[in-house]
Amino acid sequence: MVAPLRCLILFAGLAGCDPRLPEHEGSTGGNPKHGKALISELGCGSCHTIKGIPGANATVAPSLEDVKKRVYLAGRLQNTPENLQKWIANPRAIDPKTAMPQVGVDEAGARDIAAYLYAR
């Protein structure tokens, strides 16, 4: 009986079910729980360190810990929910030379990812 319980706990963690995360993050209007699942699904942790995402401890790109406390995003944008969402959705529209790839996330997904980053 212990093994099925462990599998259930593991699956819940992978699916972005984190009881400490709210269903709604006020400044972005997004869902942090869904944002967490998208971050894992899109592989953001292969380049970034991201608190709360298993295995997201890479140093290729800047750490995404404490994003909400920063003055600037991507070294050039004022840190606002709108700018973070624009950067996530289409970084090359802001900086054509950025190493950050287009990850194929839509507006709602960018809002949810921003919600997760701001909620942490």
PDB file of N, CA and C in Angstrom:
ATOM      1  N   MET A   1       0.810  -1.189   0.000  1.00  0.00           N
ATOM      2  CA  MET A   1       0.000   0.000   0.000  1.00  0.00           C
ATOM      3  C   MET A   1       0.862   1.264   0.000  1.00  0.00           C
ATOM      4  N   VAL A   2       2.083   1.161   0.488  1.00  0.00           N
ATOM      5  CA  VAL A   2       2.960   2.323   0.553  1.00  0.00           C
ATOM      6  C   VAL A   2       3.365   2.783  -0.844  1.00  0.00           C
ATOM      7  N   ALA A   3       3.685   1.881  -1.749  1.00  0.00           N
ATOM      8  CA  ALA A   3       4.133   2.249  -3.092  1.00  0.00           C
ATOM      9  C   ALA A   3       3.083   3.066  -3.848  1.00  0.00           C
ATOM     10  N   PRO A   4       1.794   2.679  -3.866  1.00  0.00           N
ATOM     11  CA  PRO A   4       0.805   3.503  -4.563  1.00  0.00           C
ATOM     12  C   PRO A   4       0.699   4.908  -3.973  1.00  0.00           C
ATOM     13  N   LEU A   5       0.839   5.025  -2.656  1.00  0.00           N
ATOM     14  CA  LEU A   5       0.780   6.333  -2.019  1.00  0.00           C
ATOM     15  C   LEU A   5       1.950   7.196  -2.480  1.00  0.00           C
ATOM     16  N   ARG A   6       3.127   6.626  -2.557  1.00  0.00           N
ATOM     17  CA  ARG A   6       4.293   7.366  -3.036  1.00  0.00           C
ATOM     18  C   ARG A   6       4.099   7.825  -4.475  1.00  0.00           C
ATOM     19  N   CYS A   7       3.548   6.957  -5.305  1.00  0.00           N
ATOM     20  CA  CYS A   7       3.289   7.318  -6.698  1.00  0.00           C
ATOM     21  C   CYS A   7       2.292   8.469  -6.788  1.00  0.00           C
ATOM     22  N   LEU A   8       1.273   8.420  -5.950  1.00  0.00           N
ATOM     23  CA  LEU A   8       0.270   9.491  -5.946  1.00  0.00           C
ATOM     24  C   LEU A   8       0.903  10.809  -5.529  1.00  0.00           C
ATOM     25  N   ILE A   9       1.747  10.791  -4.504  1.00  0.00           N
ATOM     26  CA  ILE A   9       2.418  12.004  -4.049  1.00  0.00           C
ATOM     27  C   ILE A   9       3.345  12.526  -5.127  1.00  0.00           C
ATOM     28  N   LEU A  10       4.108  11.659  -5.770  1.00  0.00           N
ATOM     29  CA  LEU A  10       5.005  12.058  -6.844  1.00  0.00           C
ATOM     30  C   LEU A  10       4.232  12.662  -7.998  1.00  0.00           C
ATOM     31  N   PHE A  11       3.142  12.016  -8.407  1.00  0.00           N
ATOM     32  CA  PHE A  11       2.338  12.536  -9.506  1.00  0.00           C
ATOM     33  C   PHE A  11       1.766  13.904  -9.172  1.00  0.00           C
ATOM     34  N   ALA A  12       1.287  14.086  -7.957  1.00  0.00           N
ATOM     35  CA  ALA A  12       0.717  15.378  -7.557  1.00  0.00           C
ATOM     36  C   ALA A  12       1.780  16.467  -7.641  1.00  0.00           C
ATOM     37  N   GLY A  13       3.002  16.164  -7.232  1.00  0.00           N
ATOM     38  CA  GLY A  13       4.078  17.153  -7.312  1.00  0.00           C
ATOM     39  C   GLY A  13       4.428  17.496  -8.747  1.00  0.00           C
ATOM     40  N   LEU A  14       4.457  16.503  -9.602  1.00  0.00           N
ATOM     41  CA  LEU A  14       4.786  16.736 -11.000  1.00  0.00           C
ATOM     42  C   LEU A  14       3.689  17.497 -11.726  1.00  0.00           C
ATOM     43  N   ALA A  15       2.472  17.339 -11.304  1.00  0.00           N
ATOM     44  CA  ALA A  15       1.340  17.993 -11.958  1.00  0.00           C
ATOM     45  C   ALA A  15       1.179  19.435 -11.514  1.00  0.00           C
ATOM     46  N   GLY A  16       2.041  19.908 -10.643  1.00  0.00           N
ATOM     47  CA  GLY A  16       1.951  21.296 -10.225  1.00  0.00           C
ATOM     48  C   GLY A  16       1.016  21.511  -9.055  1.00  0.00           C
ATOM     49  N   CYS A  17       0.597  20.450  -8.406  1.00  0.00           N
ATOM     50  CA  CYS A  17      -0.300  20.572  -7.259  1.00  0.00           C
ATOM     51  C   CYS A  17       0.535  20.915  -6.034  1.00  0.00           C
ATOM     52  N   ASP A  18       0.564  22.138  -5.684  1.00  0.00           N
ATOM     53  CA  ASP A  18       1.325  22.607  -4.543  1.00  0.00           C
ATOM     54  C   ASP A  18       0.359  23.338  -3.632  1.00  0.00           C
ATOM     55  N   PRO A  19       0.051  22.766  -2.478  1.00  0.00           N
ATOM     56  CA  PRO A  19      -0.950  23.383  -1.610  1.00  0.00           C
ATOM     57  C   PRO A  19      -0.555  24.764  -1.115  1.00  0.00           C
ATOM     58  N   ARG A  20       0.723  25.115  -1.194  1.00  0.00           N
ATOM     59  CA  ARG A  20       1.164  26.436  -0.741  1.00  0.00           C
ATOM     60  C   ARG A  20       0.926  27.510  -1.794  1.00  0.00           C
ATOM     61  N   LEU A  21       0.655  27.108  -3.010  1.00  0.00           N
ATOM     62  CA  LEU A  21       0.423  28.077  -4.080  1.00  0.00           C
ATOM     63  C   LEU A  21      -1.055  28.447  -4.141  1.00  0.00           C
ATOM     64  N   PRO A  22      -1.337  29.725  -4.314  1.00  0.00           N
ATOM     65  CA  PRO A  22      -2.736  30.130  -4.460  1.00  0.00           C
ATOM     66  C   PRO A  22      -3.260  29.767  -5.849  1.00  0.00           C
ATOM     67  N   GLU A  23      -4.558  29.752  -5.991  1.00  0.00           N
ATOM     68  CA  GLU A  23      -5.183  29.505  -7.297  1.00  0.00           C
ATOM     69  C   GLU A  23      -5.077  30.738  -8.193  1.00  0.00           C
ATOM     70  N   HIS A  24      -4.825  31.883  -7.582  1.00  0.00           N
ATOM     71  CA  HIS A  24      -4.825  33.149  -8.314  1.00  0.00           C
ATOM     72  C   HIS A  24      -3.748  34.049  -7.725  1.00  0.00           C
ATOM     73  N   GLU A  25      -2.961  34.681  -8.573  1.00  0.00           N
ATOM     74  CA  GLU A  25      -1.936  35.629  -8.128  1.00  0.00           C
ATOM     75  C   GLU A  25      -2.396  37.005  -8.582  1.00  0.00           C
ATOM     76  N   GLY A  26      -2.582  37.913  -7.646  1.00  0.00           N
ATOM     77  CA  GLY A  26      -3.221  39.194  -7.895  1.00  0.00           C
ATOM     78  C   GLY A  26      -2.590  40.099  -8.929  1.00  0.00           C
ATOM     79  N   SER A  27      -1.280  40.240  -8.949  1.00  0.00           N
ATOM     80  CA  SER A  27      -0.666  41.212  -9.854  1.00  0.00           C
ATOM     81  C   SER A  27      -0.685  40.767 -11.314  1.00  0.00           C
ATOM     82  N   THR A  28      -0.748  39.460 -11.552  1.00  0.00           N
ATOM     83  CA  THR A  28      -0.749  38.965 -12.932  1.00  0.00           C
ATOM     84  C   THR A  28      -2.129  38.499 -13.393  1.00  0.00           C
ATOM     85  N   GLY A  29      -2.954  38.085 -12.438  1.00  0.00           N
ATOM     86  CA  GLY A  29      -4.239  37.502 -12.790  1.00  0.00           C
ATOM     87  C   GLY A  29      -4.124  36.048 -13.216  1.00  0.00           C
ATOM     88  N   GLY A  30      -2.918  35.483 -13.080  1.00  0.00           N
ATOM     89  CA  GLY A  30      -2.693  34.110 -13.523  1.00  0.00           C
ATOM     90  C   GLY A  30      -2.835  33.092 -12.414  1.00  0.00           C
ATOM     91  N   ASN A  31      -2.715  31.829 -12.793  1.00  0.00           N
ATOM     92  CA  ASN A  31      -2.821  30.703 -11.888  1.00  0.00           C
ATOM     93  C   ASN A  31      -1.420  30.127 -11.644  1.00  0.00           C
ATOM     94  N   PRO A  32      -0.836  30.375 -10.469  1.00  0.00           N
ATOM     95  CA  PRO A  32       0.512  29.881 -10.191  1.00  0.00           C
ATOM     96  C   PRO A  32       0.657  28.365 -10.278  1.00  0.00           C
ATOM     97  N   LYS A  33      -0.384  27.633  -9.906  1.00  0.00           N
ATOM     98  CA  LYS A  33      -0.299  26.170  -9.976  1.00  0.00           C
ATOM     99  C   LYS A  33      -0.153  25.714 -11.426  1.00  0.00           C
ATOM    100  N   HIS A  34      -0.914  26.328 -12.308  1.00  0.00           N
ATOM    101  CA  HIS A  34      -0.792  25.983 -13.727  1.00  0.00           C
ATOM    102  C   HIS A  34       0.560  26.456 -14.258  1.00  0.00           C
ATOM    103  N   GLY A  35       1.021  27.610 -13.799  1.00  0.00           N
ATOM    104  CA  GLY A  35       2.330  28.113 -14.203  1.00  0.00           C
ATOM    105  C   GLY A  35       3.447  27.168 -13.816  1.00  0.00           C
ATOM    106  N   LYS A  36       3.352  26.600 -12.627  1.00  0.00           N
ATOM    107  CA  LYS A  36       4.366  25.637 -12.177  1.00  0.00           C
ATOM    108  C   LYS A  36       4.394  24.432 -13.099  1.00  0.00           C
ATOM    109  N   ALA A  37       3.225  23.926 -13.451  1.00  0.00           N
ATOM    110  CA  ALA A  37       3.155  22.770 -14.353  1.00  0.00           C
ATOM    111  C   ALA A  37       3.737  23.122 -15.726  1.00  0.00           C
ATOM    112  N   LEU A  38       3.445  24.319 -16.225  1.00  0.00           N
ATOM    113  CA  LEU A  38       3.987  24.736 -17.526  1.00  0.00           C
ATOM    114  C   LEU A  38       5.501  24.871 -17.491  1.00  0.00           C
ATOM    115  N   ILE A  39       6.027  25.425 -16.412  1.00  0.00           N
ATOM    116  CA  ILE A  39       7.481  25.577 -16.278  1.00  0.00           C
ATOM    117  C   ILE A  39       8.153  24.213 -16.377  1.00  0.00           C
ATOM    118  N   SER A  40       7.581  23.226 -15.704  1.00  0.00           N
ATOM    119  CA  SER A  40       8.141  21.869 -15.773  1.00  0.00           C
ATOM    120  C   SER A  40       7.990  21.290 -17.174  1.00  0.00           C
ATOM    121  N   GLU A  41       6.810  21.441 -17.746  1.00  0.00           N
ATOM    122  CA  GLU A  41       6.515  20.890 -19.076  1.00  0.00           C
ATOM    123  C   GLU A  41       7.404  21.497 -20.166  1.00  0.00           C
ATOM    124  N   LEU A  42       7.647  22.796 -20.081  1.00  0.00           N
ATOM    125  CA  LEU A  42       8.429  23.491 -21.107  1.00  0.00           C
ATOM    126  C   LEU A  42       9.936  23.342 -20.912  1.00  0.00           C
ATOM    127  N   GLY A  43      10.346  22.813 -19.776  1.00  0.00           N
ATOM    128  CA  GLY A  43      11.768  22.590 -19.535  1.00  0.00           C
ATOM    129  C   GLY A  43      12.545  23.842 -19.175  1.00  0.00           C
ATOM    130  N   CYS A  44      11.888  24.814 -18.572  1.00  0.00           N
ATOM    131  CA  CYS A  44      12.563  26.071 -18.215  1.00  0.00           C
ATOM    132  C   CYS A  44      13.749  25.836 -17.277  1.00  0.00           C
ATOM    133  N   GLY A  45      13.659  24.774 -16.473  1.00  0.00           N
ATOM    134  CA  GLY A  45      14.730  24.449 -15.547  1.00  0.00           C
ATOM    135  C   GLY A  45      15.980  23.905 -16.205  1.00  0.00           C
ATOM    136  N   SER A  46      15.953  23.680 -17.506  1.00  0.00           N
ATOM    137  CA  SER A  46      17.173  23.243 -18.183  1.00  0.00           C
ATOM    138  C   SER A  46      18.141  24.417 -18.371  1.00  0.00           C
ATOM    139  N   CYS A  47      17.645  25.634 -18.202  1.00  0.00           N
ATOM    140  CA  CYS A  47      18.505  26.823 -18.293  1.00  0.00           C
ATOM    141  C   CYS A  47      18.514  27.645 -17.002  1.00  0.00           C
ATOM    142  N   HIS A  48      17.397  27.653 -16.290  1.00  0.00           N
ATOM    143  CA  HIS A  48      17.245  28.506 -15.105  1.00  0.00           C
ATOM    144  C   HIS A  48      17.179  27.699 -13.812  1.00  0.00           C
ATOM    145  N   THR A  49      17.580  28.337 -12.719  1.00  0.00           N
ATOM    146  CA  THR A  49      17.287  27.835 -11.385  1.00  0.00           C
ATOM    147  C   THR A  49      15.947  28.438 -11.010  1.00  0.00           C
ATOM    148  N   ILE A  50      15.004  27.579 -10.602  1.00  0.00           N
ATOM    149  CA  ILE A  50      13.659  28.045 -10.283  1.00  0.00           C
ATOM    150  C   ILE A  50      13.203  27.367  -9.002  1.00  0.00           C
ATOM    151  N   LYS A  51      13.006  28.162  -7.968  1.00  0.00           N
ATOM    152  CA  LYS A  51      12.581  27.650  -6.672  1.00  0.00           C
ATOM    153  C   LYS A  51      11.266  26.881  -6.799  1.00  0.00           C
ATOM    154  N   GLY A  52      11.236  25.696  -6.211  1.00  0.00           N
ATOM    155  CA  GLY A  52      10.022  24.901  -6.188  1.00  0.00           C
ATOM    156  C   GLY A  52       9.832  23.983  -7.377  1.00  0.00           C
ATOM    157  N   ILE A  53      10.739  24.025  -8.347  1.00  0.00           N
ATOM    158  CA  ILE A  53      10.638  23.164  -9.524  1.00  0.00           C
ATOM    159  C   ILE A  53      11.730  22.094  -9.416  1.00  0.00           C
ATOM    160  N   PRO A  54      11.349  20.834  -9.246  1.00  0.00           N
ATOM    161  CA  PRO A  54      12.349  19.773  -9.119  1.00  0.00           C
ATOM    162  C   PRO A  54      13.307  19.747 -10.323  1.00  0.00           C
ATOM    163  N   GLY A  55      14.589  19.712 -10.029  1.00  0.00           N
ATOM    164  CA  GLY A  55      15.607  19.633 -11.071  1.00  0.00           C
ATOM    165  C   GLY A  55      15.939  20.949 -11.740  1.00  0.00           C
ATOM    166  N   ALA A  56      15.247  22.027 -11.386  1.00  0.00           N
ATOM    167  CA  ALA A  56      15.503  23.331 -12.016  1.00  0.00           C
ATOM    168  C   ALA A  56      16.611  24.042 -11.260  1.00  0.00           C
ATOM    169  N   ASN A  57      17.839  23.616 -11.541  1.00  0.00           N
ATOM    170  CA  ASN A  57      18.992  24.188 -10.859  1.00  0.00           C
ATOM    171  C   ASN A  57      20.111  24.519 -11.845  1.00  0.00           C
ATOM    172  N   ALA A  58      19.743  24.825 -13.076  1.00  0.00           N
ATOM    173  CA  ALA A  58      20.724  25.121 -14.122  1.00  0.00           C
ATOM    174  C   ALA A  58      21.270  26.546 -13.968  1.00  0.00           C
ATOM    175  N   THR A  59      22.428  26.748 -14.541  1.00  0.00           N
ATOM    176  CA  THR A  59      23.078  28.060 -14.462  1.00  0.00           C
ATOM    177  C   THR A  59      23.376  28.640 -15.846  1.00  0.00           C
ATOM    178  N   VAL A  60      22.718  28.139 -16.863  1.00  0.00           N
ATOM    179  CA  VAL A  60      22.908  28.656 -18.224  1.00  0.00           C
ATOM    180  C   VAL A  60      22.372  30.082 -18.318  1.00  0.00           C
ATOM    181  N   ALA A  61      21.222  30.306 -17.716  1.00  0.00           N
ATOM    182  CA  ALA A  61      20.557  31.610 -17.721  1.00  0.00           C
ATOM    183  C   ALA A  61      20.388  32.062 -16.273  1.00  0.00           C
ATOM    184  N   PRO A  62      19.972  33.308 -16.063  1.00  0.00           N
ATOM    185  CA  PRO A  62      19.820  33.800 -14.685  1.00  0.00           C
ATOM    186  C   PRO A  62      18.825  32.985 -13.864  1.00  0.00           C
ATOM    187  N   SER A  63      19.070  32.971 -12.567  1.00  0.00           N
ATOM    188  CA  SER A  63      18.138  32.352 -11.642  1.00  0.00           C
ATOM    189  C   SER A  63      16.820  33.124 -11.693  1.00  0.00           C
ATOM    190  N   LEU A  64      15.729  32.396 -11.554  1.00  0.00           N
ATOM    191  CA  LEU A  64      14.417  33.044 -11.536  1.00  0.00           C
ATOM    192  C   LEU A  64      13.850  33.106 -10.119  1.00  0.00           C
ATOM    193  N   GLU A  65      14.724  33.014  -9.141  1.00  0.00           N
ATOM    194  CA  GLU A  65      14.301  33.173  -7.752  1.00  0.00           C
ATOM    195  C   GLU A  65      14.141  34.655  -7.446  1.00  0.00           C
ATOM    196  N   ASP A  66      13.119  34.970  -6.683  1.00  0.00           N
ATOM    197  CA  ASP A  66      12.846  36.349  -6.248  1.00  0.00           C
ATOM    198  C   ASP A  66      12.651  37.329  -7.402  1.00  0.00           C
ATOM    199  N   VAL A  67      12.042  36.874  -8.472  1.00  0.00           N
ATOM    200  CA  VAL A  67      11.793  37.737  -9.631  1.00  0.00           C
ATOM    201  C   VAL A  67      10.992  38.973  -9.230  1.00  0.00           C
ATOM    202  N   LYS A  68      10.043  38.792  -8.351  1.00  0.00           N
ATOM    203  CA  LYS A  68       9.166  39.905  -7.960  1.00  0.00           C
ATOM    204  C   LYS A  68       9.940  41.053  -7.309  1.00  0.00           C
ATOM    205  N   LYS A  69      11.075  40.761  -6.705  1.00  0.00           N
ATOM    206  CA  LYS A  69      11.872  41.781  -6.009  1.00  0.00           C
ATOM    207  C   LYS A  69      12.812  42.561  -6.936  1.00  0.00           C
ATOM    208  N   ARG A  70      12.910  42.158  -8.177  1.00  0.00           N
ATOM    209  CA  ARG A  70      13.868  42.795  -9.090  1.00  0.00           C
ATOM    210  C   ARG A  70      13.340  44.108  -9.669  1.00  0.00           C
ATOM    211  N   VAL A  71      14.243  44.979 -10.009  1.00  0.00           N
ATOM    212  CA  VAL A  71      13.879  46.249 -10.630  1.00  0.00           C
ATOM    213  C   VAL A  71      13.705  46.053 -12.134  1.00  0.00           C
ATOM    214  N   TYR A  72      14.587  45.244 -12.726  1.00  0.00           N
ATOM    215  CA  TYR A  72      14.563  45.032 -14.174  1.00  0.00           C
ATOM    216  C   TYR A  72      14.407  43.559 -14.517  1.00  0.00           C
ATOM    217  N   LEU A  73      13.845  43.327 -15.687  1.00  0.00           N
ATOM    218  CA  LEU A  73      13.741  41.993 -16.279  1.00  0.00           C
ATOM    219  C   LEU A  73      14.579  41.990 -17.542  1.00  0.00           C
ATOM    220  N   ALA A  74      15.298  40.925 -17.766  1.00  0.00           N
ATOM    221  CA  ALA A  74      16.126  40.774 -18.968  1.00  0.00           C
ATOM    222  C   ALA A  74      17.113  41.926 -19.130  1.00  0.00           C
ATOM    223  N   GLY A  75      17.440  42.562 -18.032  1.00  0.00           N
ATOM    224  CA  GLY A  75      18.422  43.633 -18.052  1.00  0.00           C
ATOM    225  C   GLY A  75      17.975  44.932 -18.685  1.00  0.00           C
ATOM    226  N   ARG A  76      16.696  45.022 -19.073  1.00  0.00           N
ATOM    227  CA  ARG A  76      16.266  46.226 -19.774  1.00  0.00           C
ATOM    228  C   ARG A  76      14.820  46.632 -19.571  1.00  0.00           C
ATOM    229  N   LEU A  77      13.992  45.734 -19.102  1.00  0.00           N
ATOM    230  CA  LEU A  77      12.571  46.037 -18.940  1.00  0.00           C
ATOM    231  C   LEU A  77      12.246  46.331 -17.482  1.00  0.00           C
ATOM    232  N   GLN A  78      11.431  47.353 -17.255  1.00  0.00           N
ATOM    233  CA  GLN A  78      10.938  47.589 -15.908  1.00  0.00           C
ATOM    234  C   GLN A  78      10.168  46.344 -15.470  1.00  0.00           C
ATOM    235  N   ASN A  79      10.361  45.936 -14.231  1.00  0.00           N
ATOM    236  CA  ASN A  79       9.720  44.730 -13.732  1.00  0.00           C
ATOM    237  C   ASN A  79       8.248  45.011 -13.429  1.00  0.00           C
ATOM    238  N   THR A  80       7.418  44.689 -14.401  1.00  0.00           N
ATOM    239  CA  THR A  80       5.967  44.759 -14.236  1.00  0.00           C
ATOM    240  C   THR A  80       5.386  43.423 -14.688  1.00  0.00           C
ATOM    241  N   PRO A  81       4.198  43.074 -14.204  1.00  0.00           N
ATOM    242  CA  PRO A  81       3.588  41.826 -14.661  1.00  0.00           C
ATOM    243  C   PRO A  81       3.428  41.781 -16.183  1.00  0.00           C
ATOM    244  N   GLU A  82       3.051  42.895 -16.773  1.00  0.00           N
ATOM    245  CA  GLU A  82       2.861  42.936 -18.223  1.00  0.00           C
ATOM    246  C   GLU A  82       4.170  42.683 -18.963  1.00  0.00           C
ATOM    247  N   ASN A  83       5.246  43.308 -18.508  1.00  0.00           N
ATOM    248  CA  ASN A  83       6.542  43.115 -19.168  1.00  0.00           C
ATOM    249  C   ASN A  83       7.056  41.687 -19.000  1.00  0.00           C
ATOM    250  N   LEU A  84       6.850  41.111 -17.815  1.00  0.00           N
ATOM    251  CA  LEU A  84       7.288  39.726 -17.607  1.00  0.00           C
ATOM    252  C   LEU A  84       6.519  38.790 -18.540  1.00  0.00           C
ATOM    253  N   GLN A  85       5.235  39.009 -18.674  1.00  0.00           N
ATOM    254  CA  GLN A  85       4.426  38.169 -19.554  1.00  0.00           C
ATOM    255  C   GLN A  85       4.851  38.328 -21.016  1.00  0.00           C
ATOM    256  N   LYS A  86       5.138  39.553 -21.439  1.00  0.00           N
ATOM    257  CA  LYS A  86       5.602  39.782 -22.816  1.00  0.00           C
ATOM    258  C   LYS A  86       6.936  39.074 -23.056  1.00  0.00           C
ATOM    259  N   TRP A  87       7.835  39.169 -22.084  1.00  0.00           N
ATOM    260  CA  TRP A  87       9.141  38.538 -22.208  1.00  0.00           C
ATOM    261  C   TRP A  87       9.004  37.014 -22.318  1.00  0.00           C
ATOM    262  N   ILE A  88       8.182  36.422 -21.477  1.00  0.00           N
ATOM    263  CA  ILE A  88       7.992  34.969 -21.497  1.00  0.00           C
ATOM    264  C   ILE A  88       7.390  34.529 -22.835  1.00  0.00           C
ATOM    265  N   ALA A  89       6.395  35.261 -23.309  1.00  0.00           N
ATOM    266  CA  ALA A  89       5.691  34.873 -24.534  1.00  0.00           C
ATOM    267  C   ALA A  89       6.526  35.070 -25.792  1.00  0.00           C
ATOM    268  N   ASN A  90       7.328  36.135 -25.826  1.00  0.00           N
ATOM    269  CA  ASN A  90       8.051  36.443 -27.060  1.00  0.00           C
ATOM    270  C   ASN A  90       9.322  37.235 -26.760  1.00  0.00           C
ATOM    271  N   PRO A  91      10.331  36.593 -26.187  1.00  0.00           N
ATOM    272  CA  PRO A  91      11.541  37.318 -25.788  1.00  0.00           C
ATOM    273  C   PRO A  91      12.286  37.970 -26.958  1.00  0.00           C
ATOM    274  N   ARG A  92      12.222  37.364 -28.115  1.00  0.00           N
ATOM    275  CA  ARG A  92      12.966  37.916 -29.260  1.00  0.00           C
ATOM    276  C   ARG A  92      12.311  39.153 -29.857  1.00  0.00           C
ATOM    277  N   ALA A  93      11.057  39.395 -29.538  1.00  0.00           N
ATOM    278  CA  ALA A  93      10.418  40.649 -29.957  1.00  0.00           C
ATOM    279  C   ALA A  93      10.993  41.811 -29.154  1.00  0.00           C
ATOM    280  N   ILE A  94      11.485  41.522 -27.969  1.00  0.00           N
ATOM    281  CA  ILE A  94      12.071  42.548 -27.102  1.00  0.00           C
ATOM    282  C   ILE A  94      13.569  42.652 -27.340  1.00  0.00           C
ATOM    283  N   ASP A  95      14.229  41.527 -27.480  1.00  0.00           N
ATOM    284  CA  ASP A  95      15.674  41.494 -27.726  1.00  0.00           C
ATOM    285  C   ASP A  95      15.973  40.395 -28.742  1.00  0.00           C
ATOM    286  N   PRO A  96      16.121  40.778 -30.003  1.00  0.00           N
ATOM    287  CA  PRO A  96      16.358  39.779 -31.052  1.00  0.00           C
ATOM    288  C   PRO A  96      17.618  38.933 -30.844  1.00  0.00           C
ATOM    289  N   LYS A  97      18.557  39.415 -30.039  1.00  0.00           N
ATOM    290  CA  LYS A  97      19.805  38.687 -29.823  1.00  0.00           C
ATOM    291  C   LYS A  97      19.813  37.849 -28.546  1.00  0.00           C
ATOM    292  N   THR A  98      18.689  37.801 -27.850  1.00  0.00           N
ATOM    293  CA  THR A  98      18.651  37.018 -26.615  1.00  0.00           C
ATOM    294  C   THR A  98      18.864  35.535 -26.903  1.00  0.00           C
ATOM    295  N   ALA A  99      19.449  34.865 -25.947  1.00  0.00           N
ATOM    296  CA  ALA A  99      19.612  33.414 -26.054  1.00  0.00           C
ATOM    297  C   ALA A  99      18.344  32.681 -25.632  1.00  0.00           C
ATOM    298  N   MET A 100      17.414  33.402 -25.018  1.00  0.00           N
ATOM    299  CA  MET A 100      16.175  32.747 -24.580  1.00  0.00           C
ATOM    300  C   MET A 100      15.349  32.358 -25.797  1.00  0.00           C
ATOM    301  N   PRO A 101      14.978  31.084 -25.859  1.00  0.00           N
ATOM    302  CA  PRO A 101      14.216  30.618 -27.024  1.00  0.00           C
ATOM    303  C   PRO A 101      12.730  30.969 -26.928  1.00  0.00           C
ATOM    304  N   GLN A 102      12.097  30.953 -28.080  1.00  0.00           N
ATOM    305  CA  GLN A 102      10.641  31.015 -28.117  1.00  0.00           C
ATOM    306  C   GLN A 102      10.172  29.652 -27.627  1.00  0.00           C
ATOM    307  N   VAL A 103       9.428  29.618 -26.560  1.00  0.00           N
ATOM    308  CA  VAL A 103       9.009  28.324 -26.016  1.00  0.00           C
ATOM    309  C   VAL A 103       7.608  27.923 -26.455  1.00  0.00           C
ATOM    310  N   GLY A 104       6.949  28.773 -27.200  1.00  0.00           N
ATOM    311  CA  GLY A 104       5.641  28.427 -27.741  1.00  0.00           C
ATOM    312  C   GLY A 104       4.500  28.559 -26.756  1.00  0.00           C
ATOM    313  N   VAL A 105       4.670  29.414 -25.775  1.00  0.00           N
ATOM    314  CA  VAL A 105       3.617  29.606 -24.776  1.00  0.00           C
ATOM    315  C   VAL A 105       2.692  30.738 -25.235  1.00  0.00           C
ATOM    316  N   ASP A 106       1.395  30.547 -25.015  1.00  0.00           N
ATOM    317  CA  ASP A 106       0.432  31.585 -25.398  1.00  0.00           C
ATOM    318  C   ASP A 106       0.299  32.620 -24.278  1.00  0.00           C
ATOM    319  N   GLU A 107      -0.565  33.606 -24.488  1.00  0.00           N
ATOM    320  CA  GLU A 107      -0.735  34.695 -23.530  1.00  0.00           C
ATOM    321  C   GLU A 107      -1.174  34.179 -22.154  1.00  0.00           C
ATOM    322  N   ALA A 108      -2.121  33.261 -22.131  1.00  0.00           N
ATOM    323  CA  ALA A 108      -2.600  32.706 -20.857  1.00  0.00           C
ATOM    324  C   ALA A 108      -1.490  31.929 -20.152  1.00  0.00           C
ATOM    325  N   GLY A 109      -0.714  31.171 -20.904  1.00  0.00           N
ATOM    326  CA  GLY A 109       0.390  30.428 -20.319  1.00  0.00           C
ATOM    327  C   GLY A 109       1.457  31.352 -19.757  1.00  0.00           C
ATOM    328  N   ALA A 110       1.772  32.420 -20.481  1.00  0.00           N
ATOM    329  CA  ALA A 110       2.750  33.402 -19.997  1.00  0.00           C
ATOM    330  C   ALA A 110       2.253  34.051 -18.711  1.00  0.00           C
ATOM    331  N   ARG A 111       0.966  34.329 -18.640  1.00  0.00           N
ATOM    332  CA  ARG A 111       0.375  34.926 -17.434  1.00  0.00           C
ATOM    333  C   ARG A 111       0.500  33.954 -16.254  1.00  0.00           C
ATOM    334  N   ASP A 112       0.257  32.665 -16.495  1.00  0.00           N
ATOM    335  CA  ASP A 112       0.353  31.676 -15.423  1.00  0.00           C
ATOM    336  C   ASP A 112       1.796  31.473 -14.970  1.00  0.00           C
ATOM    337  N   ILE A 113       2.731  31.456 -15.902  1.00  0.00           N
ATOM    338  CA  ILE A 113       4.151  31.326 -15.536  1.00  0.00           C
ATOM    339  C   ILE A 113       4.581  32.545 -14.737  1.00  0.00           C
ATOM    340  N   ALA A 114       4.206  33.725 -15.170  1.00  0.00           N
ATOM    341  CA  ALA A 114       4.523  34.950 -14.415  1.00  0.00           C
ATOM    342  C   ALA A 114       3.901  34.882 -13.023  1.00  0.00           C
ATOM    343  N   ALA A 115       2.687  34.366 -12.931  1.00  0.00           N
ATOM    344  CA  ALA A 115       2.025  34.230 -11.631  1.00  0.00           C
ATOM    345  C   ALA A 115       2.837  33.333 -10.698  1.00  0.00           C
ATOM    346  N   TYR A 116       3.346  32.226 -11.229  1.00  0.00           N
ATOM    347  CA  TYR A 116       4.164  31.340 -10.406  1.00  0.00           C
ATOM    348  C   TYR A 116       5.435  32.056  -9.946  1.00  0.00           C
ATOM    349  N   LEU A 117       6.107  32.724 -10.872  1.00  0.00           N
ATOM    350  CA  LEU A 117       7.368  33.395 -10.521  1.00  0.00           C
ATOM    351  C   LEU A 117       7.143  34.504  -9.498  1.00  0.00           C
ATOM    352  N   TYR A 118       6.047  35.224  -9.609  1.00  0.00           N
ATOM    353  CA  TYR A 118       5.756  36.287  -8.653  1.00  0.00           C
ATOM    354  C   TYR A 118       5.257  35.742  -7.315  1.00  0.00           C
ATOM    355  N   ALA A 119       4.642  34.576  -7.319  1.00  0.00           N
ATOM    356  CA  ALA A 119       4.111  33.983  -6.087  1.00  0.00           C
ATOM    357  C   ALA A 119       5.207  33.364  -5.229  1.00  0.00           C
ATOM    358  N   ARG A 120       6.351  33.084  -5.803  1.00  0.00           N
ATOM    359  CA  ARG A 120       7.444  32.425  -5.068  1.00  0.00           C
ATOM    360  C   ARG A 120       8.294  33.418  -4.376  1.00  0.00           C
TER     361      ARG A 120
END
